[in-house]
Amino acid sequence: ELTLNTDYVGQPHTHDAIEIFYVLSGRFGHNVNGVPGVLEPGEIGICRPGDTIIHSVEGDEPAVVLTIWLPGGAAAPFHID
């Protein structure tokens, strides 16, 4: 589960894994391969390996997003002991 502040705008990036987002609250900007979109609470977004992705928070409240990577291990860079 990720909580992203209202000023969050990510850098373009790719993953070697499938990335699935489920928005719990807030509005989550989800730009995939140059196609912009906004996910609302209860909506799901999916990115394929190699997609170019830019995420952002849209609106005046943080976005809380459940993120799943398949296969596992793609989240290792985000792990904090």
PDB file of N, CA and C in Angstrom:
ATOM      1  N   GLU A   1       0.850  -1.176   0.000  1.00  0.00           N
ATOM      2  CA  GLU A   1       0.000   0.000   0.000  1.00  0.00           C
ATOM      3  C   GLU A   1       0.892   1.234   0.000  1.00  0.00           C
ATOM      4  N   LEU A   2       0.630   2.138  -0.928  1.00  0.00           N
ATOM      5  CA  LEU A   2       1.385   3.382  -1.045  1.00  0.00           C
ATOM      6  C   LEU A   2       0.471   4.563  -0.764  1.00  0.00           C
ATOM      7  N   THR A   3       0.968   5.521   0.016  1.00  0.00           N
ATOM      8  CA  THR A   3       0.279   6.788   0.201  1.00  0.00           C
ATOM      9  C   THR A   3       1.128   7.858  -0.463  1.00  0.00           C
ATOM     10  N   LEU A   4       0.556   8.532  -1.437  1.00  0.00           N
ATOM     11  CA  LEU A   4       1.276   9.540  -2.213  1.00  0.00           C
ATOM     12  C   LEU A   4       0.689  10.914  -1.922  1.00  0.00           C
ATOM     13  N   ASN A   5       1.554  11.877  -1.591  1.00  0.00           N
ATOM     14  CA  ASN A   5       1.119  13.229  -1.256  1.00  0.00           C
ATOM     15  C   ASN A   5       0.565  13.965  -2.471  1.00  0.00           C
ATOM     16  N   THR A   6      -0.159  15.035  -2.198  1.00  0.00           N
ATOM     17  CA  THR A   6      -0.856  15.769  -3.258  1.00  0.00           C
ATOM     18  C   THR A   6       0.078  16.369  -4.298  1.00  0.00           C
ATOM     19  N   ASP A   7       1.332  16.607  -3.952  1.00  0.00           N
ATOM     20  CA  ASP A   7       2.268  17.207  -4.912  1.00  0.00           C
ATOM     21  C   ASP A   7       3.071  16.155  -5.676  1.00  0.00           C
ATOM     22  N   TYR A   8       2.722  14.875  -5.538  1.00  0.00           N
ATOM     23  CA  TYR A   8       3.513  13.805  -6.149  1.00  0.00           C
ATOM     24  C   TYR A   8       3.331  13.757  -7.669  1.00  0.00           C
ATOM     25  N   VAL A   9       4.448  13.806  -8.376  1.00  0.00           N
ATOM     26  CA  VAL A   9       4.492  13.549  -9.818  1.00  0.00           C
ATOM     27  C   VAL A   9       5.745  12.706 -10.047  1.00  0.00           C
ATOM     28  N   GLY A  10       5.562  11.471 -10.481  1.00  0.00           N
ATOM     29  CA  GLY A  10       6.682  10.571 -10.695  1.00  0.00           C
ATOM     30  C   GLY A  10       7.394  10.828 -12.014  1.00  0.00           C
ATOM     31  N   GLN A  11       8.552  10.238 -12.131  1.00  0.00           N
ATOM     32  CA  GLN A  11       9.332  10.301 -13.360  1.00  0.00           C
ATOM     33  C   GLN A  11       8.911   9.167 -14.290  1.00  0.00           C
ATOM     34  N   PRO A  12       9.049   9.342 -15.596  1.00  0.00           N
ATOM     35  CA  PRO A  12       8.767   8.230 -16.514  1.00  0.00           C
ATOM     36  C   PRO A  12       9.671   7.044 -16.172  1.00  0.00           C
ATOM     37  N   HIS A  13       9.082   5.849 -16.154  1.00  0.00           N
ATOM     38  CA  HIS A  13       9.852   4.653 -15.827  1.00  0.00           C
ATOM     39  C   HIS A  13       9.194   3.422 -16.428  1.00  0.00           C
ATOM     40  N   THR A  14       9.916   2.318 -16.388  1.00  0.00           N
ATOM     41  CA  THR A  14       9.398   1.026 -16.835  1.00  0.00           C
ATOM     42  C   THR A  14       9.665  -0.010 -15.754  1.00  0.00           C
ATOM     43  N   HIS A  15       9.003  -1.151 -15.861  1.00  0.00           N
ATOM     44  CA  HIS A  15       9.240  -2.295 -14.978  1.00  0.00           C
ATOM     45  C   HIS A  15       9.353  -3.543 -15.839  1.00  0.00           C
ATOM     46  N   ASP A  16      10.049  -4.535 -15.311  1.00  0.00           N
ATOM     47  CA  ASP A  16      10.125  -5.840 -15.970  1.00  0.00           C
ATOM     48  C   ASP A  16       8.984  -6.748 -15.536  1.00  0.00           C
ATOM     49  N   ALA A  17       8.125  -6.248 -14.661  1.00  0.00           N
ATOM     50  CA  ALA A  17       7.028  -7.038 -14.110  1.00  0.00           C
ATOM     51  C   ALA A  17       5.691  -6.406 -14.493  1.00  0.00           C
ATOM     52  N   ILE A  18       4.633  -7.180 -14.350  1.00  0.00           N
ATOM     53  CA  ILE A  18       3.275  -6.637 -14.443  1.00  0.00           C
ATOM     54  C   ILE A  18       3.042  -5.820 -13.175  1.00  0.00           C
ATOM     55  N   GLU A  19       2.445  -4.644 -13.317  1.00  0.00           N
ATOM     56  CA  GLU A  19       2.154  -3.778 -12.181  1.00  0.00           C
ATOM     57  C   GLU A  19       0.647  -3.520 -12.169  1.00  0.00           C
ATOM     58  N   ILE A  20       0.016  -3.811 -11.042  1.00  0.00           N
ATOM     59  CA  ILE A  20      -1.432  -3.651 -10.896  1.00  0.00           C
ATOM     60  C   ILE A  20      -1.685  -2.656  -9.768  1.00  0.00           C
ATOM     61  N   PHE A  21      -2.569  -1.700 -10.013  1.00  0.00           N
ATOM     62  CA  PHE A  21      -2.927  -0.693  -9.022  1.00  0.00           C
ATOM     63  C   PHE A  21      -4.408  -0.799  -8.701  1.00  0.00           C
ATOM     64  N   TYR A  22      -4.728  -0.710  -7.414  1.00  0.00           N
ATOM     65  CA  TYR A  22      -6.115  -0.596  -6.971  1.00  0.00           C
ATOM     66  C   TYR A  22      -6.177   0.649  -6.098  1.00  0.00           C
ATOM     67  N   VAL A  23      -6.968   1.627  -6.497  1.00  0.00           N
ATOM     68  CA  VAL A  23      -7.029   2.898  -5.783  1.00  0.00           C
ATOM     69  C   VAL A  23      -8.000   2.772  -4.610  1.00  0.00           C
ATOM     70  N   LEU A  24      -7.468   3.012  -3.410  1.00  0.00           N
ATOM     71  CA  LEU A  24      -8.280   2.959  -2.194  1.00  0.00           C
ATOM     72  C   LEU A  24      -8.924   4.310  -1.901  1.00  0.00           C
ATOM     73  N   SER A  25      -8.174   5.401  -2.127  1.00  0.00           N
ATOM     74  CA  SER A  25      -8.729   6.745  -1.934  1.00  0.00           C
ATOM     75  C   SER A  25      -7.909   7.744  -2.742  1.00  0.00           C
ATOM     76  N   GLY A  26      -8.498   8.901  -2.986  1.00  0.00           N
ATOM     77  CA  GLY A  26      -7.843   9.924  -3.783  1.00  0.00           C
ATOM     78  C   GLY A  26      -7.983   9.646  -5.273  1.00  0.00           C
ATOM     79  N   ARG A  27      -7.288  10.462  -6.052  1.00  0.00           N
ATOM     80  CA  ARG A  27      -7.308  10.329  -7.518  1.00  0.00           C
ATOM     81  C   ARG A  27      -5.872  10.112  -7.977  1.00  0.00           C
ATOM     82  N   PHE A  28      -5.636   9.022  -8.703  1.00  0.00           N
ATOM     83  CA  PHE A  28      -4.297   8.569  -9.075  1.00  0.00           C
ATOM     84  C   PHE A  28      -4.096   8.744 -10.571  1.00  0.00           C
ATOM     85  N   GLY A  29      -3.227   9.695 -10.953  1.00  0.00           N
ATOM     86  CA  GLY A  29      -2.902   9.881 -12.359  1.00  0.00           C
ATOM     87  C   GLY A  29      -2.071   8.713 -12.857  1.00  0.00           C
ATOM     88  N   HIS A  30      -2.452   8.185 -14.008  1.00  0.00           N
ATOM     89  CA  HIS A  30      -1.888   6.933 -14.510  1.00  0.00           C
ATOM     90  C   HIS A  30      -1.680   7.101 -16.011  1.00  0.00           C
ATOM     91  N   ASN A  31      -0.470   7.540 -16.397  1.00  0.00           N
ATOM     92  CA  ASN A  31      -0.133   7.765 -17.801  1.00  0.00           C
ATOM     93  C   ASN A  31       0.677   6.569 -18.279  1.00  0.00           C
ATOM     94  N   VAL A  32       0.152   5.832 -19.245  1.00  0.00           N
ATOM     95  CA  VAL A  32       0.812   4.625 -19.751  1.00  0.00           C
ATOM     96  C   VAL A  32       1.078   4.810 -21.245  1.00  0.00           C
ATOM     97  N   ASN A  33       2.345   4.758 -21.607  1.00  0.00           N
ATOM     98  CA  ASN A  33       2.756   4.896 -23.014  1.00  0.00           C
ATOM     99  C   ASN A  33       2.192   6.162 -23.661  1.00  0.00           C
ATOM    100  N   GLY A  34       2.168   7.256 -22.876  1.00  0.00           N
ATOM    101  CA  GLY A  34       1.711   8.538 -23.396  1.00  0.00           C
ATOM    102  C   GLY A  34       0.212   8.751 -23.375  1.00  0.00           C
ATOM    103  N   VAL A  35      -0.543   7.778 -22.870  1.00  0.00           N
ATOM    104  CA  VAL A  35      -2.003   7.900 -22.797  1.00  0.00           C
ATOM    105  C   VAL A  35      -2.382   8.240 -21.354  1.00  0.00           C
ATOM    106  N   PRO A  36      -2.822   9.489 -21.095  1.00  0.00           N
ATOM    107  CA  PRO A  36      -3.150   9.878 -19.728  1.00  0.00           C
ATOM    108  C   PRO A  36      -4.500   9.334 -19.282  1.00  0.00           C
ATOM    109  N   GLY A  37      -4.597   9.124 -17.988  1.00  0.00           N
ATOM    110  CA  GLY A  37      -5.853   8.706 -17.384  1.00  0.00           C
ATOM    111  C   GLY A  37      -5.814   9.000 -15.900  1.00  0.00           C
ATOM    112  N   VAL A  38      -6.968   8.957 -15.266  1.00  0.00           N
ATOM    113  CA  VAL A  38      -7.063   9.152 -13.824  1.00  0.00           C
ATOM    114  C   VAL A  38      -7.894   8.015 -13.259  1.00  0.00           C
ATOM    115  N   LEU A  39      -7.344   7.341 -12.260  1.00  0.00           N
ATOM    116  CA  LEU A  39      -8.056   6.259 -11.583  1.00  0.00           C
ATOM    117  C   LEU A  39      -8.689   6.801 -10.312  1.00  0.00           C
ATOM    118  N   GLU A  40      -9.946   6.464 -10.098  1.00  0.00           N
ATOM    119  CA  GLU A  40     -10.717   6.882  -8.929  1.00  0.00           C
ATOM    120  C   GLU A  40     -10.783   5.722  -7.935  1.00  0.00           C
ATOM    121  N   PRO A  41     -11.188   5.985  -6.682  1.00  0.00           N
ATOM    122  CA  PRO A  41     -11.313   4.893  -5.717  1.00  0.00           C
ATOM    123  C   PRO A  41     -12.173   3.750  -6.266  1.00  0.00           C
ATOM    124  N   GLY A  42     -11.668   2.529  -6.091  1.00  0.00           N
ATOM    125  CA  GLY A  42     -12.362   1.341  -6.575  1.00  0.00           C
ATOM    126  C   GLY A  42     -11.959   0.920  -7.971  1.00  0.00           C
ATOM    127  N   GLU A  43     -11.145   1.728  -8.650  1.00  0.00           N
ATOM    128  CA  GLU A  43     -10.720   1.394 -10.007  1.00  0.00           C
ATOM    129  C   GLU A  43      -9.345   0.743 -10.004  1.00  0.00           C
ATOM    130  N   ILE A  44      -9.088  -0.027 -11.069  1.00  0.00           N
ATOM    131  CA  ILE A  44      -7.841  -0.775 -11.223  1.00  0.00           C
ATOM    132  C   ILE A  44      -7.131  -0.305 -12.483  1.00  0.00           C
ATOM    133  N   GLY A  45      -5.804  -0.198 -12.393  1.00  0.00           N
ATOM    134  CA  GLY A  45      -4.957   0.065 -13.551  1.00  0.00           C
ATOM    135  C   GLY A  45      -3.928  -1.039 -13.674  1.00  0.00           C
ATOM    136  N   ILE A  46      -3.568  -1.389 -14.895  1.00  0.00           N
ATOM    137  CA  ILE A  46      -2.599  -2.460 -15.138  1.00  0.00           C
ATOM    138  C   ILE A  46      -1.554  -1.957 -16.124  1.00  0.00           C
ATOM    139  N   CYS A  47      -0.286  -2.220 -15.809  1.00  0.00           N
ATOM    140  CA  CYS A  47       0.827  -1.912 -16.707  1.00  0.00           C
ATOM    141  C   CYS A  47       1.534  -3.206 -17.058  1.00  0.00           C
ATOM    142  N   ARG A  48       1.863  -3.345 -18.332  1.00  0.00           N
ATOM    143  CA  ARG A  48       2.588  -4.528 -18.802  1.00  0.00           C
ATOM    144  C   ARG A  48       4.090  -4.284 -18.698  1.00  0.00           C
ATOM    145  N   PRO A  49       4.874  -5.360 -18.639  1.00  0.00           N
ATOM    146  CA  PRO A  49       6.324  -5.186 -18.654  1.00  0.00           C
ATOM    147  C   PRO A  49       6.744  -4.367 -19.875  1.00  0.00           C
ATOM    148  N   GLY A  50       7.597  -3.373 -19.637  1.00  0.00           N
ATOM    149  CA  GLY A  50       8.082  -2.536 -20.725  1.00  0.00           C
ATOM    150  C   GLY A  50       7.261  -1.296 -21.002  1.00  0.00           C
ATOM    151  N   ASP A  51       6.039  -1.202 -20.447  1.00  0.00           N
ATOM    152  CA  ASP A  51       5.257   0.023 -20.609  1.00  0.00           C
ATOM    153  C   ASP A  51       6.008   1.193 -19.972  1.00  0.00           C
ATOM    154  N   THR A  52       5.910   2.366 -20.583  1.00  0.00           N
ATOM    155  CA  THR A  52       6.453   3.579 -19.977  1.00  0.00           C
ATOM    156  C   THR A  52       5.340   4.217 -19.160  1.00  0.00           C
ATOM    157  N   ILE A  53       5.623   4.443 -17.880  1.00  0.00           N
ATOM    158  CA  ILE A  53       4.598   4.828 -16.912  1.00  0.00           C
ATOM    159  C   ILE A  53       4.992   6.136 -16.230  1.00  0.00           C
ATOM    160  N   ILE A  54       4.016   6.999 -16.021  1.00  0.00           N
ATOM    161  CA  ILE A  54       4.184   8.180 -15.171  1.00  0.00           C
ATOM    162  C   ILE A  54       2.978   8.216 -14.238  1.00  0.00           C
ATOM    163  N   HIS A  55       3.230   8.277 -12.946  1.00  0.00           N
ATOM    164  CA  HIS A  55       2.155   8.345 -11.956  1.00  0.00           C
ATOM    165  C   HIS A  55       2.125   9.738 -11.333  1.00  0.00           C
ATOM    166  N   SER A  56       0.957  10.138 -10.882  1.00  0.00           N
ATOM    167  CA  SER A  56       0.809  11.421 -10.201  1.00  0.00           C
ATOM    168  C   SER A  56      -0.424  11.365  -9.312  1.00  0.00           C
ATOM    169  N   VAL A  57      -0.518  12.357  -8.438  1.00  0.00           N
ATOM    170  CA  VAL A  57      -1.726  12.524  -7.636  1.00  0.00           C
ATOM    171  C   VAL A  57      -2.499  13.683  -8.238  1.00  0.00           C
ATOM    172  N   GLU A  58      -3.769  13.457  -8.493  1.00  0.00           N
ATOM    173  CA  GLU A  58      -4.647  14.471  -9.076  1.00  0.00           C
ATOM    174  C   GLU A  58      -5.642  14.904  -8.006  1.00  0.00           C
ATOM    175  N   GLY A  59      -5.753  16.184  -7.777  1.00  0.00           N
ATOM    176  CA  GLY A  59      -6.708  16.661  -6.787  1.00  0.00           C
ATOM    177  C   GLY A  59      -6.023  17.136  -5.523  1.00  0.00           C
ATOM    178  N   ASP A  60      -6.834  17.404  -4.505  1.00  0.00           N
ATOM    179  CA  ASP A  60      -6.332  18.041  -3.290  1.00  0.00           C
ATOM    180  C   ASP A  60      -6.262  17.108  -2.090  1.00  0.00           C
ATOM    181  N   GLU A  61      -6.255  15.804  -2.320  1.00  0.00           N
ATOM    182  CA  GLU A  61      -6.050  14.858  -1.224  1.00  0.00           C
ATOM    183  C   GLU A  61      -5.054  13.785  -1.668  1.00  0.00           C
ATOM    184  N   PRO A  62      -4.303  13.220  -0.712  1.00  0.00           N
ATOM    185  CA  PRO A  62      -3.356  12.163  -1.069  1.00  0.00           C
ATOM    186  C   PRO A  62      -4.072  10.991  -1.736  1.00  0.00           C
ATOM    187  N   ALA A  63      -3.315  10.238  -2.507  1.00  0.00           N
ATOM    188  CA  ALA A  63      -3.839   9.011  -3.110  1.00  0.00           C
ATOM    189  C   ALA A  63      -3.274   7.823  -2.333  1.00  0.00           C
ATOM    190  N   VAL A  64      -4.146   6.900  -1.982  1.00  0.00           N
ATOM    191  CA  VAL A  64      -3.732   5.657  -1.331  1.00  0.00           C
ATOM    192  C   VAL A  64      -4.000   4.545  -2.333  1.00  0.00           C
ATOM    193  N   VAL A  65      -2.928   3.837  -2.699  1.00  0.00           N
ATOM    194  CA  VAL A  65      -2.987   2.876  -3.796  1.00  0.00           C
ATOM    195  C   VAL A  65      -2.363   1.558  -3.355  1.00  0.00           C
ATOM    196  N   LEU A  66      -3.097   0.475  -3.542  1.00  0.00           N
ATOM    197  CA  LEU A  66      -2.556  -0.863  -3.333  1.00  0.00           C
ATOM    198  C   LEU A  66      -1.854  -1.252  -4.624  1.00  0.00           C
ATOM    199  N   THR A  67      -0.573  -1.609  -4.531  1.00  0.00           N
ATOM    200  CA  THR A  67       0.232  -1.927  -5.709  1.00  0.00           C
ATOM    201  C   THR A  67       0.703  -3.368  -5.633  1.00  0.00           C
ATOM    202  N   ILE A  68       0.522  -4.100  -6.720  1.00  0.00           N
ATOM    203  CA  ILE A  68       0.925  -5.506  -6.800  1.00  0.00           C
ATOM    204  C   ILE A  68       1.829  -5.665  -8.014  1.00  0.00           C
ATOM    205  N   TRP A  69       2.977  -6.312  -7.817  1.00  0.00           N
ATOM    206  CA  TRP A  69       3.891  -6.617  -8.915  1.00  0.00           C
ATOM    207  C   TRP A  69       3.945  -8.123  -9.114  1.00  0.00           C
ATOM    208  N   LEU A  70       3.845  -8.554 -10.358  1.00  0.00           N
ATOM    209  CA  LEU A  70       3.930  -9.979 -10.698  1.00  0.00           C
ATOM    210  C   LEU A  70       5.008 -10.175 -11.755  1.00  0.00           C
ATOM    211  N   PRO A  71       5.992 -11.012 -11.577  1.00  0.00           N
ATOM    212  CA  PRO A  71       6.224 -11.789 -10.364  1.00  0.00           C
ATOM    213  C   PRO A  71       6.702 -10.890  -9.235  1.00  0.00           C
ATOM    214  N   GLY A  72       6.667 -11.431  -8.035  1.00  0.00           N
ATOM    215  CA  GLY A  72       7.140 -10.701  -6.865  1.00  0.00           C
ATOM    216  C   GLY A  72       8.610 -10.350  -7.018  1.00  0.00           C
ATOM    217  N   GLY A  73       9.077  -9.483  -6.152  1.00  0.00           N
ATOM    218  CA  GLY A  73      10.468  -9.070  -6.197  1.00  0.00           C
ATOM    219  C   GLY A  73      10.665  -7.713  -6.826  1.00  0.00           C
ATOM    220  N   ALA A  74       9.721  -7.267  -7.639  1.00  0.00           N
ATOM    221  CA  ALA A  74       9.859  -5.961  -8.284  1.00  0.00           C
ATOM    222  C   ALA A  74       9.790  -4.829  -7.269  1.00  0.00           C
ATOM    223  N   ALA A  75       9.227  -5.099  -6.096  1.00  0.00           N
ATOM    224  CA  ALA A  75       9.113  -4.076  -5.063  1.00  0.00           C
ATOM    225  C   ALA A  75      10.370  -3.970  -4.207  1.00  0.00           C
ATOM    226  N   ALA A  76      11.360  -4.819  -4.439  1.00  0.00           N
ATOM    227  CA  ALA A  76      12.569  -4.835  -3.609  1.00  0.00           C
ATOM    228  C   ALA A  76      13.216  -3.455  -3.454  1.00  0.00           C
ATOM    229  N   PRO A  77      13.285  -2.622  -4.499  1.00  0.00           N
ATOM    230  CA  PRO A  77      13.908  -1.303  -4.310  1.00  0.00           C
ATOM    231  C   PRO A  77      13.163  -0.410  -3.319  1.00  0.00           C
ATOM    232  N   PHE A  78      11.899  -0.725  -3.032  1.00  0.00           N
ATOM    233  CA  PHE A  78      11.099   0.090  -2.119  1.00  0.00           C
ATOM    234  C   PHE A  78      11.104  -0.449  -0.696  1.00  0.00           C
ATOM    235  N   HIS A  79      11.733  -1.587  -0.468  1.00  0.00           N
ATOM    236  CA  HIS A  79      11.716  -2.231   0.849  1.00  0.00           C
ATOM    237  C   HIS A  79      12.554  -1.441   1.839  1.00  0.00           C
ATOM    238  N   ILE A  80      11.981  -1.193   3.000  1.00  0.00           N
ATOM    239  CA  ILE A  80      12.676  -0.478   4.073  1.00  0.00           C
ATOM    240  C   ILE A  80      12.684  -1.381   5.290  1.00  0.00           C
ATOM    241  N   ASP A  81      13.857  -1.582   5.875  1.00  0.00           N
ATOM    242  CA  ASP A  81      13.958  -2.409   7.092  1.00  0.00           C
ATOM    243  C   ASP A  81      13.504  -1.634   8.301  1.00  0.00           C
TER     244      ASP A  81
END
